[in-house]
């Protein structure tokens, strides 16, 4: 999977995936889910790990140059009743 990303980047594509600095670097490429959504015409990605036991996700905003800005981290509150 990592070889596929390197090949795509060599062709000028940008890859947003796990295993990258700033976006779940300890996760394998294929173990990070990305869901696209839009707010007021702006596109965002919700990234969250697949196998890691966590209740958090990271919202990122892709940039034209292939980089991204981390908008926020969302944590699900645990029930305590």
N, C-alpha and C. Protein backbone atom coordinates (compact mmCIF):
# COMPACT_ATOMS: atom_id res chain seq x y z
N UNK A 1 0.82 -1.18 0.00
CA UNK A 1 0.00 0.00 0.00
C UNK A 1 0.87 1.26 0.00
N UNK A 2 1.93 1.28 0.80
CA UNK A 2 2.81 2.45 0.83
C UNK A 2 3.47 2.66 -0.53
N UNK A 3 3.77 1.57 -1.24
CA UNK A 3 4.36 1.68 -2.58
C UNK A 3 3.38 2.35 -3.54
N UNK A 4 2.08 2.07 -3.38
CA UNK A 4 1.07 2.71 -4.23
C UNK A 4 1.04 4.21 -4.01
N UNK A 5 1.18 4.63 -2.77
CA UNK A 5 1.19 6.06 -2.46
C UNK A 5 2.43 6.72 -3.04
N UNK A 6 3.57 6.09 -2.91
CA UNK A 6 4.81 6.67 -3.49
C UNK A 6 4.70 6.79 -5.00
N UNK A 7 4.10 5.80 -5.64
CA UNK A 7 3.93 5.85 -7.10
C UNK A 7 2.97 6.98 -7.47
N UNK A 8 1.86 7.12 -6.74
CA UNK A 8 0.90 8.19 -7.03
C UNK A 8 1.55 9.56 -6.84
N UNK A 9 2.34 9.72 -5.78
CA UNK A 9 3.01 11.00 -5.54
C UNK A 9 4.03 11.30 -6.64
N UNK A 10 4.68 10.28 -7.16
CA UNK A 10 5.63 10.49 -8.25
C UNK A 10 4.91 10.99 -9.51
N UNK A 11 3.63 10.67 -9.64
CA UNK A 11 2.82 11.12 -10.77
C UNK A 11 2.16 12.47 -10.52
N UNK A 12 2.43 13.08 -9.35
CA UNK A 12 1.90 14.40 -9.05
C UNK A 12 0.66 14.42 -8.18
N UNK A 13 0.21 13.26 -7.70
CA UNK A 13 -0.95 13.19 -6.81
C UNK A 13 -0.52 13.45 -5.38
N UNK A 14 -1.47 13.84 -4.53
CA UNK A 14 -1.22 14.02 -3.11
C UNK A 14 -2.02 12.97 -2.35
N UNK A 15 -1.43 12.39 -1.34
CA UNK A 15 -2.10 11.33 -0.57
C UNK A 15 -2.29 11.78 0.86
N UNK A 16 -3.50 11.62 1.35
CA UNK A 16 -3.82 11.84 2.75
C UNK A 16 -4.10 10.46 3.33
N UNK A 17 -3.27 10.03 4.26
CA UNK A 17 -3.43 8.68 4.80
C UNK A 17 -2.75 8.58 6.15
N UNK A 18 -3.02 7.48 6.82
CA UNK A 18 -2.29 7.19 8.04
C UNK A 18 -0.83 6.94 7.71
N UNK A 19 0.00 6.93 8.74
CA UNK A 19 1.42 6.71 8.52
C UNK A 19 2.15 7.94 8.01
N UNK A 20 1.51 9.10 8.05
CA UNK A 20 2.10 10.34 7.56
C UNK A 20 2.26 11.31 8.72
N UNK A 21 3.26 12.18 8.67
CA UNK A 21 3.41 13.17 9.75
C UNK A 21 2.15 14.01 9.91
N UNK A 22 1.70 14.15 11.13
CA UNK A 22 0.54 14.98 11.42
C UNK A 22 -0.80 14.29 11.28
N UNK A 23 -0.83 13.07 10.77
CA UNK A 23 -2.10 12.38 10.59
C UNK A 23 -1.92 10.90 10.95
N UNK A 24 -2.05 10.59 12.22
CA UNK A 24 -1.90 9.23 12.74
C UNK A 24 -0.62 8.56 12.22
N UNK A 25 0.53 9.12 12.54
CA UNK A 25 1.79 8.57 12.03
C UNK A 25 2.09 7.16 12.50
N UNK A 26 1.45 6.70 13.60
CA UNK A 26 1.71 5.35 14.09
C UNK A 26 0.77 4.32 13.48
N UNK A 27 -0.14 4.73 12.61
CA UNK A 27 -1.08 3.82 11.95
C UNK A 27 -0.57 3.46 10.56
N UNK A 28 -0.90 2.26 10.11
CA UNK A 28 -0.59 1.87 8.75
C UNK A 28 -1.44 2.70 7.78
N UNK A 29 -0.97 2.82 6.56
CA UNK A 29 -1.66 3.60 5.54
C UNK A 29 -3.11 3.17 5.41
N UNK A 30 -3.34 1.88 5.30
CA UNK A 30 -4.68 1.35 5.04
C UNK A 30 -5.54 1.24 6.29
N UNK A 31 -5.03 1.63 7.44
CA UNK A 31 -5.79 1.53 8.69
C UNK A 31 -6.40 2.85 9.13
N UNK A 32 -6.38 3.84 8.27
CA UNK A 32 -6.96 5.14 8.61
C UNK A 32 -8.08 5.45 7.62
N UNK A 33 -9.27 5.69 8.15
CA UNK A 33 -10.42 6.04 7.32
C UNK A 33 -10.45 7.53 7.09
N UNK A 34 -10.88 7.92 5.91
CA UNK A 34 -11.07 9.33 5.58
C UNK A 34 -12.47 9.50 5.02
N UNK A 35 -13.27 10.35 5.64
CA UNK A 35 -14.62 10.66 5.17
C UNK A 35 -14.65 12.13 4.79
N UNK A 36 -15.11 12.43 3.57
CA UNK A 36 -15.18 13.80 3.08
C UNK A 36 -16.53 14.40 3.46
N UNK A 37 -16.51 15.69 3.84
CA UNK A 37 -17.74 16.44 4.06
C UNK A 37 -17.48 17.90 3.74
N UNK A 38 -18.54 18.64 3.52
CA UNK A 38 -18.43 20.07 3.17
C UNK A 38 -19.25 20.91 4.14
N UNK A 39 -18.73 22.09 4.44
CA UNK A 39 -19.43 23.08 5.26
C UNK A 39 -19.26 24.42 4.57
N UNK A 40 -20.36 25.05 4.23
CA UNK A 40 -20.34 26.36 3.55
C UNK A 40 -19.45 26.35 2.31
N UNK A 41 -19.49 25.27 1.55
CA UNK A 41 -18.71 25.19 0.32
C UNK A 41 -17.24 24.83 0.50
N UNK A 42 -16.80 24.62 1.73
CA UNK A 42 -15.41 24.22 2.00
C UNK A 42 -15.35 22.71 2.24
N UNK A 43 -14.38 22.05 1.63
CA UNK A 43 -14.23 20.61 1.78
C UNK A 43 -13.29 20.28 2.94
N UNK A 44 -13.67 19.26 3.70
CA UNK A 44 -12.89 18.78 4.83
C UNK A 44 -12.83 17.26 4.79
N UNK A 45 -11.90 16.70 5.54
CA UNK A 45 -11.82 15.26 5.71
C UNK A 45 -11.84 14.94 7.20
N UNK A 46 -12.63 13.95 7.57
CA UNK A 46 -12.60 13.42 8.93
C UNK A 46 -11.75 12.16 8.88
N UNK A 47 -10.64 12.16 9.58
CA UNK A 47 -9.73 11.02 9.61
C UNK A 47 -9.84 10.34 10.97
N UNK A 48 -9.89 9.01 10.95
CA UNK A 48 -9.93 8.28 12.22
C UNK A 48 -9.35 6.88 12.00
N UNK A 49 -8.65 6.37 13.00
CA UNK A 49 -8.00 5.07 12.87
C UNK A 49 -9.02 3.93 12.91
N UNK A 50 -8.72 2.87 12.19
CA UNK A 50 -9.62 1.73 12.09
C UNK A 50 -9.43 0.73 13.22
N UNK A 51 -8.20 0.33 13.47
CA UNK A 51 -7.94 -0.74 14.44
C UNK A 51 -7.62 -0.24 15.83
N UNK A 52 -7.26 1.00 15.95
CA UNK A 52 -6.88 1.53 17.26
C UNK A 52 -8.12 1.77 18.10
N UNK A 53 -8.07 1.37 19.33
CA UNK A 53 -9.19 1.58 20.24
C UNK A 53 -9.19 3.05 20.67
N UNK A 54 -9.98 3.86 19.99
CA UNK A 54 -10.01 5.28 20.30
C UNK A 54 -11.39 5.85 20.02
N UNK A 55 -11.70 6.91 20.67
CA UNK A 55 -12.95 7.62 20.45
C UNK A 55 -12.67 9.00 19.90
N UNK A 56 -11.66 9.13 19.06
CA UNK A 56 -11.34 10.45 18.53
C UNK A 56 -11.18 10.41 17.02
N UNK A 57 -11.39 11.55 16.43
CA UNK A 57 -11.17 11.75 15.00
C UNK A 57 -10.52 13.10 14.80
N UNK A 58 -9.90 13.29 13.66
CA UNK A 58 -9.22 14.55 13.35
C UNK A 58 -9.85 15.13 12.09
N UNK A 59 -10.24 16.39 12.15
CA UNK A 59 -10.77 17.08 10.98
C UNK A 59 -9.62 17.83 10.33
N UNK A 60 -9.41 17.58 9.03
CA UNK A 60 -8.35 18.26 8.30
C UNK A 60 -8.93 18.99 7.10
N UNK A 61 -8.25 20.07 6.70
CA UNK A 61 -8.64 20.82 5.51
C UNK A 61 -7.50 20.69 4.50
N UNK A 62 -7.75 19.98 3.39
CA UNK A 62 -6.71 19.84 2.37
C UNK A 62 -6.36 21.18 1.73
N UNK A 63 -5.08 21.32 1.36
CA UNK A 63 -4.61 22.52 0.66
C UNK A 63 -4.26 22.14 -0.78
N UNK A 64 -4.28 23.10 -1.69
CA UNK A 64 -3.96 22.80 -3.09
C UNK A 64 -2.56 22.22 -3.31
N UNK A 65 -1.62 22.54 -2.42
CA UNK A 65 -0.25 22.05 -2.60
C UNK A 65 -0.05 20.64 -2.04
N UNK A 66 -1.13 20.00 -1.55
CA UNK A 66 -1.02 18.65 -1.03
C UNK A 66 -0.87 18.56 0.47
N UNK A 67 -0.56 19.68 1.11
CA UNK A 67 -0.48 19.71 2.57
C UNK A 67 -1.90 19.80 3.12
N UNK A 68 -2.02 19.85 4.43
CA UNK A 68 -3.32 20.04 5.04
C UNK A 68 -3.17 20.76 6.35
N UNK A 69 -4.23 21.42 6.76
CA UNK A 69 -4.30 22.05 8.08
C UNK A 69 -5.16 21.18 8.97
N UNK A 70 -4.71 20.96 10.21
CA UNK A 70 -5.54 20.27 11.18
C UNK A 70 -6.50 21.29 11.77
N UNK A 71 -7.78 21.07 11.59
CA UNK A 71 -8.80 22.00 12.06
C UNK A 71 -9.09 21.75 13.53
N UNK A 72 -9.35 20.50 13.88
CA UNK A 72 -9.62 20.17 15.27
C UNK A 72 -9.58 18.65 15.46
N UNK A 73 -9.55 18.25 16.71
CA UNK A 73 -9.68 16.85 17.08
C UNK A 73 -10.99 16.70 17.84
N UNK A 74 -11.76 15.70 17.45
CA UNK A 74 -13.05 15.46 18.07
C UNK A 74 -12.94 14.23 18.96
N UNK A 75 -13.36 14.36 20.19
CA UNK A 75 -13.34 13.23 21.12
C UNK A 75 -14.77 12.93 21.59
N UNK A 76 -15.15 11.68 21.49
CA UNK A 76 -16.46 11.26 21.96
C UNK A 76 -16.44 11.16 23.48
N UNK A 77 -17.42 11.75 24.12
CA UNK A 77 -17.51 11.67 25.57
C UNK A 77 -17.97 10.28 25.99
N UNK A 78 -17.33 9.76 26.99
CA UNK A 78 -17.73 8.45 27.53
C UNK A 78 -18.92 8.64 28.46
N UNK A 79 -19.84 7.70 28.40
CA UNK A 79 -20.99 7.75 29.30
C UNK A 79 -20.55 7.41 30.71
N UNK A 80 -21.09 8.10 31.68
CA UNK A 80 -20.70 7.82 33.07
C UNK A 80 -21.91 7.77 33.98
N UNK A 81 -22.94 7.11 33.53
CA UNK A 81 -24.12 6.94 34.38
C UNK A 81 -24.45 5.47 34.54
